[in-house]
Amino acid sequence: MDAQEIQRRLEEVFPDAAVAATDSTGGGDHFAVTIVTAQFAGKSLVERHQMVYGALGALMPRIHALQLKTVTPAER
């Protein structure tokens, strides 16, 4: 798996989002992702992360580590 696959999936689920995904180690299973979307407004950090995990769905078993930064445009 590569970071672009994660980024594409998140952009499909959060079409208004600015998404940046990188492979943290080069091994294809550790990723750092930043998502900026208004859909996170009013959500707790846990709720935001649950939204991302749900969006990644079937990709999650292939991800060993996922560092997330989830913010709204106003929090940017």
Protein backbone atom coordinates (compact mmCIF):
# COMPACT_ATOMS: atom_id res chain seq x y z
CA MET A 1 0.00 0.00 0.00
CA ASP A 2 1.15 3.55 -0.56
CA ALA A 3 0.25 6.94 0.86
CA GLN A 4 -1.52 7.94 -2.35
CA GLU A 5 -4.01 5.09 -1.89
CA ILE A 6 -4.86 6.39 1.58
CA GLN A 7 -5.09 9.96 0.33
CA ARG A 8 -7.41 9.00 -2.56
CA ARG A 9 -9.72 7.07 -0.24
CA LEU A 10 -9.96 9.94 2.24
CA GLU A 11 -10.60 12.46 -0.55
CA GLU A 12 -13.48 10.26 -1.77
CA VAL A 13 -15.10 10.17 1.67
CA PHE A 14 -14.29 13.79 2.58
CA PRO A 15 -14.64 15.56 -0.79
CA ASP A 16 -14.27 19.03 0.73
CA ALA A 17 -11.06 18.10 2.57
CA ALA A 18 -7.45 19.02 2.08
CA VAL A 19 -5.66 15.71 2.65
CA ALA A 20 -1.94 15.04 2.91
CA ALA A 21 -0.65 11.51 3.48
CA THR A 22 2.94 10.33 3.74
CA ASP A 23 4.61 6.98 4.31
CA SER A 24 6.47 7.57 7.59
CA THR A 25 9.00 4.75 7.24
CA GLY A 26 8.96 3.74 3.59
CA GLY A 27 7.65 0.30 4.48
CA GLY A 28 4.06 0.78 3.33
CA ASP A 29 2.42 0.29 6.72
CA HIS A 30 3.25 3.41 8.80
CA PHE A 31 1.55 6.63 7.70
CA ALA A 32 1.11 10.24 8.77
CA VAL A 33 -2.09 11.90 7.59
CA THR A 34 -3.39 15.45 7.91
CA ILE A 35 -7.02 16.11 7.07
CA VAL A 36 -8.61 19.56 7.07
CA THR A 37 -12.38 19.46 6.64
CA ALA A 38 -15.44 21.30 7.92
CA GLN A 39 -16.97 17.87 8.60
CA PHE A 40 -14.93 17.76 11.83
CA ALA A 41 -16.69 20.83 13.26
CA GLY A 42 -18.26 20.09 16.64
CA LYS A 43 -16.60 16.66 16.85
CA SER A 44 -14.23 15.52 19.58
CA LEU A 45 -10.76 14.24 18.69
CA VAL A 46 -11.93 10.66 19.24
CA GLU A 47 -14.96 11.19 16.98
CA ARG A 48 -12.76 12.69 14.27
CA HIS A 49 -10.37 9.76 14.39
CA GLN A 50 -13.25 7.30 14.31
CA MET A 51 -14.52 9.05 11.18
CA VAL A 52 -11.13 8.58 9.52
CA TYR A 53 -10.84 4.93 10.58
CA GLY A 54 -14.32 4.31 9.20
CA ALA A 55 -13.42 6.04 5.94
CA LEU A 56 -10.34 3.85 5.54
CA GLY A 57 -12.42 0.73 6.20
CA ALA A 58 -10.86 -2.26 4.46
CA LEU A 59 -7.44 -0.56 4.32
CA MET A 60 -7.11 -0.49 8.13
CA PRO A 61 -5.88 -4.10 8.58
CA ARG A 62 -2.93 -3.26 6.29
CA ILE A 63 -1.93 -0.21 8.34
CA HIS A 64 0.32 -0.86 11.34
CA ALA A 65 0.60 2.76 12.53
CA LEU A 66 -1.44 5.83 11.61
CA GLN A 67 -0.54 9.28 12.91
CA LEU A 68 -3.50 11.63 12.43
CA LYS A 69 -3.92 15.37 12.49
CA THR A 70 -7.63 16.18 12.08
CA VAL A 71 -8.64 19.84 11.99
CA THR A 72 -11.33 22.14 10.68
CA PRO A 73 -10.46 25.03 8.36
CA ALA A 74 -10.95 27.42 11.30
CA GLU A 75 -8.44 25.47 13.41
CA ARG A 76 -5.78 25.48 10.72
